[in-house]
PDB file of N, CA and C in Angstrom:
ATOM      1  N   MET A   1     -28.014  12.054  -3.162  1.00  0.00           N
ATOM      2  CA  MET A   1     -26.832  12.159  -2.325  1.00  0.00           C
ATOM      3  C   MET A   1     -27.080  11.517  -0.971  1.00  0.00           C
ATOM      4  N   GLY A   2     -28.275  11.681  -0.421  1.00  0.00           N
ATOM      5  CA  GLY A   2     -28.612  11.123   0.877  1.00  0.00           C
ATOM      6  C   GLY A   2     -28.575   9.605   0.886  1.00  0.00           C
ATOM      7  N   GLU A   3     -28.933   8.989  -0.238  1.00  0.00           N
ATOM      8  CA  GLU A   3     -28.905   7.525  -0.316  1.00  0.00           C
ATOM      9  C   GLU A   3     -27.480   7.003  -0.285  1.00  0.00           C
ATOM     10  N   LEU A   4     -26.549   7.745  -0.868  1.00  0.00           N
ATOM     11  CA  LEU A   4     -25.160   7.299  -0.892  1.00  0.00           C
ATOM     12  C   LEU A   4     -24.534   7.316   0.495  1.00  0.00           C
ATOM     13  N   ILE A   5     -24.923   8.259   1.330  1.00  0.00           N
ATOM     14  CA  ILE A   5     -24.378   8.338   2.687  1.00  0.00           C
ATOM     15  C   ILE A   5     -24.808   7.124   3.504  1.00  0.00           C
ATOM     16  N   ALA A   6     -25.959   6.577   3.206  1.00  0.00           N
ATOM     17  CA  ALA A   6     -26.428   5.395   3.922  1.00  0.00           C
ATOM     18  C   ALA A   6     -25.527   4.179   3.648  1.00  0.00           C
ATOM     19  N   TYR A   7     -24.882   4.156   2.500  1.00  0.00           N
ATOM     20  CA  TYR A   7     -23.998   3.039   2.152  1.00  0.00           C
ATOM     21  C   TYR A   7     -22.578   3.216   2.676  1.00  0.00           C
ATOM     22  N   TYR A   8     -22.287   4.369   3.249  1.00  0.00           N
ATOM     23  CA  TYR A   8     -20.918   4.647   3.699  1.00  0.00           C
ATOM     24  C   TYR A   8     -20.384   3.639   4.707  1.00  0.00           C
ATOM     25  N   PRO A   9     -21.120   3.254   5.762  1.00  0.00           N
ATOM     26  CA  PRO A   9     -20.573   2.257   6.697  1.00  0.00           C
ATOM     27  C   PRO A   9     -20.277   0.921   6.030  1.00  0.00           C
ATOM     28  N   LEU A  10     -21.120   0.497   5.116  1.00  0.00           N
ATOM     29  CA  LEU A  10     -20.884  -0.761   4.409  1.00  0.00           C
ATOM     30  C   LEU A  10     -19.643  -0.675   3.527  1.00  0.00           C
ATOM     31  N   ILE A  11     -19.498   0.407   2.800  1.00  0.00           N
ATOM     32  CA  ILE A  11     -18.336   0.585   1.932  1.00  0.00           C
ATOM     33  C   ILE A  11     -17.066   0.686   2.757  1.00  0.00           C
ATOM     34  N   LEU A  12     -17.133   1.376   3.889  1.00  0.00           N
ATOM     35  CA  LEU A  12     -15.976   1.482   4.770  1.00  0.00           C
ATOM     36  C   LEU A  12     -15.570   0.115   5.306  1.00  0.00           C
ATOM     37  N   PHE A  13     -16.533  -0.701   5.711  1.00  0.00           N
ATOM     38  CA  PHE A  13     -16.245  -2.040   6.208  1.00  0.00           C
ATOM     39  C   PHE A  13     -15.613  -2.914   5.126  1.00  0.00           C
ATOM     40  N   ILE A  14     -16.168  -2.892   3.933  1.00  0.00           N
ATOM     41  CA  ILE A  14     -15.633  -3.698   2.838  1.00  0.00           C
ATOM     42  C   ILE A  14     -14.226  -3.228   2.471  1.00  0.00           C
ATOM     43  N   SER A  15     -13.999  -1.930   2.488  1.00  0.00           N
ATOM     44  CA  SER A  15     -12.663  -1.402   2.197  1.00  0.00           C
ATOM     45  C   SER A  15     -11.654  -1.869   3.228  1.00  0.00           C
ATOM     46  N   LEU A  16     -12.039  -1.876   4.496  1.00  0.00           N
ATOM     47  CA  LEU A  16     -11.137  -2.353   5.546  1.00  0.00           C
ATOM     48  C   LEU A  16     -10.841  -3.843   5.389  1.00  0.00           C
ATOM     49  N   VAL A  17     -11.843  -4.617   5.013  1.00  0.00           N
ATOM     50  CA  VAL A  17     -11.641  -6.057   4.816  1.00  0.00           C
ATOM     51  C   VAL A  17     -10.646  -6.310   3.683  1.00  0.00           C
ATOM     52  N   TYR A  18     -10.760  -5.572   2.594  1.00  0.00           N
ATOM     53  CA  TYR A  18      -9.855  -5.774   1.469  1.00  0.00           C
ATOM     54  C   TYR A  18      -8.455  -5.213   1.720  1.00  0.00           C
ATOM     55  N   SER A  19      -8.335  -4.183   2.543  1.00  0.00           N
ATOM     56  CA  SER A  19      -7.016  -3.588   2.765  1.00  0.00           C
ATOM     57  C   SER A  19      -6.250  -4.234   3.919  1.00  0.00           C
ATOM     58  N   PHE A  20      -6.916  -4.976   4.786  1.00  0.00           N
ATOM     59  CA  PHE A  20      -6.251  -5.579   5.938  1.00  0.00           C
ATOM     60  C   PHE A  20      -5.153  -6.578   5.541  1.00  0.00           C
ATOM     61  N   PRO A  21      -5.372  -7.470   4.564  1.00  0.00           N
ATOM     62  CA  PRO A  21      -4.273  -8.377   4.179  1.00  0.00           C
ATOM     63  C   PRO A  21      -3.046  -7.631   3.648  1.00  0.00           C
ATOM     64  N   LEU A  22      -3.264  -6.563   2.925  1.00  0.00           N
ATOM     65  CA  LEU A  22      -2.143  -5.777   2.422  1.00  0.00           C
ATOM     66  C   LEU A  22      -1.407  -5.077   3.565  1.00  0.00           C
ATOM     67  N   LEU A  23      -2.130  -4.639   4.573  1.00  0.00           N
ATOM     68  CA  LEU A  23      -1.504  -4.041   5.745  1.00  0.00           C
ATOM     69  C   LEU A  23      -0.633  -5.066   6.474  1.00  0.00           C
ATOM     70  N   LEU A  24      -1.142  -6.283   6.628  1.00  0.00           N
ATOM     71  CA  LEU A  24      -0.344  -7.344   7.242  1.00  0.00           C
ATOM     72  C   LEU A  24       0.898  -7.661   6.417  1.00  0.00           C
ATOM     73  N   LEU A  25       0.766  -7.634   5.106  1.00  0.00           N
ATOM     74  CA  LEU A  25       1.920  -7.871   4.238  1.00  0.00           C
ATOM     75  C   LEU A  25       2.946  -6.751   4.382  1.00  0.00           C
ATOM     76  N   HIS A  26       2.478  -5.516   4.512  1.00  0.00           N
ATOM     77  CA  HIS A  26       3.399  -4.392   4.739  1.00  0.00           C
ATOM     78  C   HIS A  26       4.164  -4.566   6.045  1.00  0.00           C
ATOM     79  N   PHE A  27       3.455  -4.940   7.107  1.00  0.00           N
ATOM     80  CA  PHE A  27       4.126  -5.166   8.385  1.00  0.00           C
ATOM     81  C   PHE A  27       5.151  -6.289   8.285  1.00  0.00           C
ATOM     82  N   THR A  28       4.814  -7.339   7.547  1.00  0.00           N
ATOM     83  CA  THR A  28       5.738  -8.455   7.372  1.00  0.00           C
ATOM     84  C   THR A  28       6.979  -8.023   6.604  1.00  0.00           C
ATOM     85  N   VAL A  29       6.783  -7.262   5.532  1.00  0.00           N
ATOM     86  CA  VAL A  29       7.926  -6.775   4.753  1.00  0.00           C
ATOM     87  C   VAL A  29       8.803  -5.860   5.604  1.00  0.00           C
ATOM     88  N   LEU A  30       8.188  -4.961   6.362  1.00  0.00           N
ATOM     89  CA  LEU A  30       8.964  -4.081   7.235  1.00  0.00           C
ATOM     90  C   LEU A  30       9.747  -4.876   8.272  1.00  0.00           C
ATOM     91  N   TYR A  31       9.116  -5.895   8.848  1.00  0.00           N
ATOM     92  CA  TYR A  31       9.790  -6.722   9.843  1.00  0.00           C
ATOM     93  C   TYR A  31      10.978  -7.457   9.229  1.00  0.00           C
ATOM     94  N   LEU A  32      10.758  -8.056   8.057  1.00  0.00           N
ATOM     95  CA  LEU A  32      11.835  -8.810   7.411  1.00  0.00           C
ATOM     96  C   LEU A  32      12.975  -7.904   6.964  1.00  0.00           C
ATOM     97  N   MET A  33      12.632  -6.738   6.449  1.00  0.00           N
ATOM     98  CA  MET A  33      13.678  -5.801   6.028  1.00  0.00           C
ATOM     99  C   MET A  33      14.506  -5.336   7.223  1.00  0.00           C
ATOM    100  N   ASP A  34      13.841  -5.114   8.348  1.00  0.00           N
ATOM    101  CA  ASP A  34      14.563  -4.709   9.549  1.00  0.00           C
ATOM    102  C   ASP A  34      15.413  -5.857  10.085  1.00  0.00           C
ATOM    103  N   LYS A  35      14.852  -7.054  10.043  1.00  0.00           N
ATOM    104  CA  LYS A  35      15.574  -8.222  10.562  1.00  0.00           C
ATOM    105  C   LYS A  35      16.841  -8.499   9.764  1.00  0.00           C
ATOM    106  N   PHE A  36      16.766  -8.349   8.455  1.00  0.00           N
ATOM    107  CA  PHE A  36      17.922  -8.626   7.607  1.00  0.00           C
ATOM    108  C   PHE A  36      18.805  -7.407   7.378  1.00  0.00           C
ATOM    109  N   GLY A  37      18.458  -6.284   7.980  1.00  0.00           N
ATOM    110  CA  GLY A  37      19.308  -5.105   7.927  1.00  0.00           C
ATOM    111  C   GLY A  37      19.320  -4.377   6.597  1.00  0.00           C
ATOM    112  N   ALA A  38      18.207  -4.385   5.888  1.00  0.00           N
ATOM    113  CA  ALA A  38      18.131  -3.679   4.610  1.00  0.00           C
ATOM    114  C   ALA A  38      18.126  -2.176   4.849  1.00  0.00           C
ATOM    115  N   ASP A  39      18.693  -1.439   3.913  1.00  0.00           N
ATOM    116  CA  ASP A  39      18.710   0.013   4.064  1.00  0.00           C
ATOM    117  C   ASP A  39      17.336   0.598   3.720  1.00  0.00           C
ATOM    118  N   ALA A  40      17.168   1.868   4.001  1.00  0.00           N
ATOM    119  CA  ALA A  40      15.871   2.527   3.855  1.00  0.00           C
ATOM    120  C   ALA A  40      15.409   2.574   2.405  1.00  0.00           C
ATOM    121  N   LEU A  41      16.321   2.752   1.463  1.00  0.00           N
ATOM    122  CA  LEU A  41      15.936   2.815   0.049  1.00  0.00           C
ATOM    123  C   LEU A  41      15.371   1.483  -0.426  1.00  0.00           C
ATOM    124  N   LEU A  42      16.019   0.392  -0.062  1.00  0.00           N
ATOM    125  CA  LEU A  42      15.525  -0.933  -0.452  1.00  0.00           C
ATOM    126  C   LEU A  42      14.172  -1.213   0.196  1.00  0.00           C
ATOM    127  N   THR A  43      14.014  -0.814   1.439  1.00  0.00           N
ATOM    128  CA  THR A  43      12.732  -0.991   2.127  1.00  0.00           C
ATOM    129  C   THR A  43      11.639  -0.201   1.434  1.00  0.00           C
ATOM    130  N   LYS A  44      11.951   1.027   1.061  1.00  0.00           N
ATOM    131  CA  LYS A  44      10.970   1.876   0.376  1.00  0.00           C
ATOM    132  C   LYS A  44      10.568   1.260  -0.968  1.00  0.00           C
ATOM    133  N   LEU A  45      11.535   0.784  -1.729  1.00  0.00           N
ATOM    134  CA  LEU A  45      11.226   0.175  -3.030  1.00  0.00           C
ATOM    135  C   LEU A  45      10.399  -1.095  -2.869  1.00  0.00           C
ATOM    136  N   ALA A  46      10.710  -1.904  -1.840  1.00  0.00           N
ATOM    137  CA  ALA A  46       9.939  -3.125  -1.600  1.00  0.00           C
ATOM    138  C   ALA A  46       8.502  -2.794  -1.224  1.00  0.00           C
ATOM    139  N   LEU A  47       8.310  -1.781  -0.394  1.00  0.00           N
ATOM    140  CA  LEU A  47       6.953  -1.401  -0.001  1.00  0.00           C
ATOM    141  C   LEU A  47       6.166  -0.818  -1.168  1.00  0.00           C
ATOM    142  N   ILE A  48       6.825  -0.068  -2.032  1.00  0.00           N
ATOM    143  CA  ILE A  48       6.150   0.453  -3.230  1.00  0.00           C
ATOM    144  C   ILE A  48       5.730  -0.701  -4.132  1.00  0.00           C
ATOM    145  N   ALA A  49       6.604  -1.693  -4.291  1.00  0.00           N
ATOM    146  CA  ALA A  49       6.268  -2.857  -5.125  1.00  0.00           C
ATOM    147  C   ALA A  49       5.106  -3.646  -4.530  1.00  0.00           C
ATOM    148  N   VAL A  50       5.104  -3.822  -3.219  1.00  0.00           N
ATOM    149  CA  VAL A  50       4.013  -4.543  -2.556  1.00  0.00           C
ATOM    150  C   VAL A  50       2.707  -3.781  -2.713  1.00  0.00           C
ATOM    151  N   THR A  51       2.743  -2.476  -2.533  1.00  0.00           N
ATOM    152  CA  THR A  51       1.538  -1.666  -2.658  1.00  0.00           C
ATOM    153  C   THR A  51       0.986  -1.692  -4.067  1.00  0.00           C
ATOM    154  N   THR A  52       1.852  -1.532  -5.046  1.00  0.00           N
ATOM    155  CA  THR A  52       1.410  -1.536  -6.440  1.00  0.00           C
ATOM    156  C   THR A  52       0.817  -2.887  -6.824  1.00  0.00           C
ATOM    157  N   THR A  53       1.473  -3.957  -6.421  1.00  0.00           N
ATOM    158  CA  THR A  53       0.949  -5.294  -6.700  1.00  0.00           C
ATOM    159  C   THR A  53      -0.381  -5.501  -5.991  1.00  0.00           C
ATOM    160  N   GLY A  54      -0.483  -5.041  -4.747  1.00  0.00           N
ATOM    161  CA  GLY A  54      -1.733  -5.168  -4.008  1.00  0.00           C
ATOM    162  C   GLY A  54      -2.878  -4.412  -4.653  1.00  0.00           C
ATOM    163  N   VAL A  55      -2.596  -3.242  -5.186  1.00  0.00           N
ATOM    164  CA  VAL A  55      -3.634  -2.459  -5.874  1.00  0.00           C
ATOM    165  C   VAL A  55      -4.142  -3.214  -7.092  1.00  0.00           C
ATOM    166  N   PHE A  56      -3.239  -3.714  -7.908  1.00  0.00           N
ATOM    167  CA  PHE A  56      -3.657  -4.433  -9.113  1.00  0.00           C
ATOM    168  C   PHE A  56      -4.415  -5.711  -8.768  1.00  0.00           C
ATOM    169  N   LEU A  57      -3.941  -6.467  -7.788  1.00  0.00           N
ATOM    170  CA  LEU A  57      -4.618  -7.709  -7.409  1.00  0.00           C
ATOM    171  C   LEU A  57      -5.986  -7.449  -6.787  1.00  0.00           C
ATOM    172  N   THR A  58      -6.083  -6.441  -5.943  1.00  0.00           N
ATOM    173  CA  THR A  58      -7.366  -6.129  -5.306  1.00  0.00           C
ATOM    174  C   THR A  58      -8.393  -5.684  -6.329  1.00  0.00           C
ATOM    175  N   LEU A  59      -8.011  -4.803  -7.233  1.00  0.00           N
ATOM    176  CA  LEU A  59      -8.969  -4.349  -8.248  1.00  0.00           C
ATOM    177  C   LEU A  59      -9.324  -5.464  -9.222  1.00  0.00           C
ATOM    178  N   ALA A  60      -8.384  -6.350  -9.511  1.00  0.00           N
ATOM    179  CA  ALA A  60      -8.702  -7.493 -10.373  1.00  0.00           C
ATOM    180  C   ALA A  60      -9.668  -8.440  -9.671  1.00  0.00           C
ATOM    181  N   TYR A  61      -9.486  -8.632  -8.371  1.00  0.00           N
ATOM    182  CA  TYR A  61     -10.363  -9.527  -7.613  1.00  0.00           C
ATOM    183  C   TYR A  61     -11.757  -8.930  -7.445  1.00  0.00           C
ATOM    184  N   VAL A  62     -11.834  -7.661  -7.128  1.00  0.00           N
ATOM    185  CA  VAL A  62     -13.125  -7.023  -6.873  1.00  0.00           C
ATOM    186  C   VAL A  62     -13.951  -6.926  -8.143  1.00  0.00           C
ATOM    187  N   ASN A  63     -13.328  -6.537  -9.230  1.00  0.00           N
ATOM    188  CA  ASN A  63     -14.071  -6.289 -10.465  1.00  0.00           C
ATOM    189  C   ASN A  63     -14.141  -7.503 -11.376  1.00  0.00           C
ATOM    190  N   GLY A  64     -13.337  -8.504 -11.128  1.00  0.00           N
ATOM    191  CA  GLY A  64     -13.318  -9.657 -12.009  1.00  0.00           C
ATOM    192  C   GLY A  64     -12.424  -9.423 -13.218  1.00  0.00           C
ATOM    193  N   THR A  65     -12.344  -8.203 -13.639  1.00  0.00           N
ATOM    194  CA  THR A  65     -11.437  -7.823 -14.718  1.00  0.00           C
ATOM    195  C   THR A  65     -10.591  -6.672 -14.219  1.00  0.00           C
ATOM    196  N   LEU A  66      -9.500  -6.469 -14.879  1.00  0.00           N
ATOM    197  CA  LEU A  66      -8.585  -5.408 -14.446  1.00  0.00           C
ATOM    198  C   LEU A  66      -8.980  -4.103 -15.117  1.00  0.00           C
ATOM    199  N   LEU A  67      -9.449  -3.160 -14.316  1.00  0.00           N
ATOM    200  CA  LEU A  67      -9.774  -1.843 -14.847  1.00  0.00           C
ATOM    201  C   LEU A  67      -8.492  -1.038 -14.934  1.00  0.00           C
ATOM    202  N   SER A  68      -8.007  -0.830 -16.116  1.00  0.00           N
ATOM    203  CA  SER A  68      -6.690  -0.226 -16.284  1.00  0.00           C
ATOM    204  C   SER A  68      -6.641   1.226 -15.805  1.00  0.00           C
ATOM    205  N   ALA A  69      -7.677   1.998 -16.021  1.00  0.00           N
ATOM    206  CA  ALA A  69      -7.638   3.406 -15.607  1.00  0.00           C
ATOM    207  C   ALA A  69      -7.575   3.528 -14.092  1.00  0.00           C
ATOM    208  N   TRP A  70      -8.383   2.788 -13.377  1.00  0.00           N
ATOM    209  CA  TRP A  70      -8.370   2.843 -11.914  1.00  0.00           C
ATOM    210  C   TRP A  70      -7.093   2.262 -11.364  1.00  0.00           C
ATOM    211  N   SER A  71      -6.684   1.131 -11.916  1.00  0.00           N
ATOM    212  CA  SER A  71      -5.463   0.488 -11.426  1.00  0.00           C
ATOM    213  C   SER A  71      -4.259   1.387 -11.619  1.00  0.00           C
ATOM    214  N   CYS A  72      -4.151   1.985 -12.773  1.00  0.00           N
ATOM    215  CA  CYS A  72      -3.003   2.854 -13.039  1.00  0.00           C
ATOM    216  C   CYS A  72      -3.027   4.106 -12.174  1.00  0.00           C
ATOM    217  N   SER A  73      -4.212   4.675 -11.950  1.00  0.00           N
ATOM    218  CA  SER A  73      -4.264   5.878 -11.115  1.00  0.00           C
ATOM    219  C   SER A  73      -3.927   5.557  -9.662  1.00  0.00           C
ATOM    220  N   TYR A  74      -4.440   4.454  -9.137  1.00  0.00           N
ATOM    221  CA  TYR A  74      -4.100   4.062  -7.765  1.00  0.00           C
ATOM    222  C   TYR A  74      -2.628   3.683  -7.643  1.00  0.00           C
ATOM    223  N   ALA A  75      -2.108   2.968  -8.620  1.00  0.00           N
ATOM    224  CA  ALA A  75      -0.698   2.573  -8.581  1.00  0.00           C
ATOM    225  C   ALA A  75       0.213   3.792  -8.688  1.00  0.00           C
ATOM    226  N   THR A  76      -0.148   4.739  -9.544  1.00  0.00           N
ATOM    227  CA  THR A  76       0.646   5.960  -9.677  1.00  0.00           C
ATOM    228  C   THR A  76       0.647   6.756  -8.379  1.00  0.00           C
ATOM    229  N   SER A  77      -0.509   6.863  -7.750  1.00  0.00           N
ATOM    230  CA  SER A  77      -0.551   7.588  -6.479  1.00  0.00           C
ATOM    231  C   SER A  77       0.231   6.851  -5.396  1.00  0.00           C
ATOM    232  N   ALA A  78       0.245   5.525  -5.431  1.00  0.00           N
ATOM    233  CA  ALA A  78       1.030   4.753  -4.465  1.00  0.00           C
ATOM    234  C   ALA A  78       2.526   4.967  -4.674  1.00  0.00           C
ATOM    235  N   VAL A  79       2.954   5.003  -5.924  1.00  0.00           N
ATOM    236  CA  VAL A  79       4.367   5.216  -6.219  1.00  0.00           C
ATOM    237  C   VAL A  79       4.797   6.630  -5.827  1.00  0.00           C
ATOM    238  N   VAL A  80       4.000   7.623  -6.183  1.00  0.00           N
ATOM    239  CA  VAL A  80       4.348   9.007  -5.852  1.00  0.00           C
ATOM    240  C   VAL A  80       4.382   9.199  -4.336  1.00  0.00           C
ATOM    241  N   THR A  81       3.379   8.684  -3.654  1.00  0.00           N
ATOM    242  CA  THR A  81       3.355   8.795  -2.198  1.00  0.00           C
ATOM    243  C   THR A  81       4.529   8.056  -1.573  1.00  0.00           C
ATOM    244  N   GLY A  82       4.825   6.871  -2.096  1.00  0.00           N
ATOM    245  CA  GLY A  82       5.958   6.105  -1.584  1.00  0.00           C
ATOM    246  C   GLY A  82       7.281   6.812  -1.773  1.00  0.00           C
ATOM    247  N   LEU A  83       7.418   7.539  -2.865  1.00  0.00           N
ATOM    248  CA  LEU A  83       8.656   8.279  -3.102  1.00  0.00           C
ATOM    249  C   LEU A  83       8.752   9.532  -2.239  1.00  0.00           C
ATOM    250  N   LEU A  84       7.611  10.121  -1.896  1.00  0.00           N
ATOM    251  CA  LEU A  84       7.629  11.353  -1.112  1.00  0.00           C
ATOM    252  C   LEU A  84       7.776  11.119   0.391  1.00  0.00           C
ATOM    253  N   ILE A  85       7.249  10.001   0.877  1.00  0.00           N
ATOM    254  CA  ILE A  85       7.314   9.727   2.313  1.00  0.00           C
ATOM    255  C   ILE A  85       8.727   9.297   2.679  1.00  0.00           C
ATOM    256  N   ARG A  86       9.206   9.843   3.767  1.00  0.00           N
ATOM    257  CA  ARG A  86      10.560   9.551   4.216  1.00  0.00           C
ATOM    258  C   ARG A  86      10.553   8.377   5.194  1.00  0.00           C
ATOM    259  N   ILE A  87      11.413   7.408   4.951  1.00  0.00           N
ATOM    260  CA  ILE A  87      11.576   6.280   5.866  1.00  0.00           C
ATOM    261  C   ILE A  87      12.850   6.524   6.645  1.00  0.00           C
ATOM    262  N   LYS A  88      12.706   6.599   7.940  1.00  0.00           N
ATOM    263  CA  LYS A  88      13.845   6.875   8.797  1.00  0.00           C
ATOM    264  C   LYS A  88      14.540   5.575   9.160  1.00  0.00           C
ATOM    265  N   ASP A  89      15.837   5.573   9.074  1.00  0.00           N
ATOM    266  CA  ASP A  89      16.638   4.423   9.465  1.00  0.00           C
ATOM    267  C   ASP A  89      17.015   4.619  10.929  1.00  0.00           C
ATOM    268  N   ILE A  90      16.370   3.874  11.826  1.00  0.00           N
ATOM    269  CA  ILE A  90      16.584   4.104  13.258  1.00  0.00           C
ATOM    270  C   ILE A  90      17.925   3.551  13.735  1.00  0.00           C
ATOM    271  N   ARG A  91      18.545   2.693  12.929  1.00  0.00           N
ATOM    272  CA  ARG A  91      19.861   2.188  13.321  1.00  0.00           C
ATOM    273  C   ARG A  91      20.930   3.250  13.115  1.00  0.00           C
ATOM    274  N   HIS A  92      20.694   4.142  12.146  1.00  0.00           N
ATOM    275  CA  HIS A  92      21.620   5.229  11.854  1.00  0.00           C
ATOM    276  C   HIS A  92      20.827   6.533  11.932  1.00  0.00           C
ATOM    277  N   PRO A  93      20.790   7.171  13.081  1.00  0.00           N
ATOM    278  CA  PRO A  93      19.907   8.346  13.267  1.00  0.00           C
ATOM    279  C   PRO A  93      20.120   9.463  12.250  1.00  0.00           C
ATOM    280  N   ALA A  94      21.320   9.618  11.707  1.00  0.00           N
ATOM    281  CA  ALA A  94      21.545  10.675  10.735  1.00  0.00           C
ATOM    282  C   ALA A  94      21.086  10.266   9.345  1.00  0.00           C
ATOM    283  N   GLY A  95      20.859   8.980   9.115  1.00  0.00           N
ATOM    284  CA  GLY A  95      20.492   8.473   7.798  1.00  0.00           C
ATOM    285  C   GLY A  95      19.005   8.578   7.547  1.00  0.00           C
ATOM    286  N   GLY A  96      18.599   7.952   6.509  1.00  0.00           N
ATOM    287  CA  GLY A  96      17.188   7.932   6.143  1.00  0.00           C
ATOM    288  C   GLY A  96      17.018   8.405   4.719  1.00  0.00           C
ATOM    289  N   ILE A  97      15.908   8.032   4.152  1.00  0.00           N
ATOM    290  CA  ILE A  97      15.652   8.415   2.779  1.00  0.00           C
ATOM    291  C   ILE A  97      14.436   9.298   2.755  1.00  0.00           C
TER     292      ILE A  97
END
């Protein structure tokens, strides 16, 4: 167990490197959805699609092959989390999903 803790900073750094492009893509999607006046439901669905695609592409790139069990579990958790988190529509304070 002690040996695994020594690898934690390296694993954390590599995880940040792989997740940073997806974070930038999320910001871009949010910006474009806001710019074009998309409603909160469409924004939520677009972000879920981006996250799910990012999970599959990242795991395919890291492993060389697509690990279906990991990909499906991460994608499922992304979809469930995306459906549970509320996106507030700041243009319509009473609205939101």
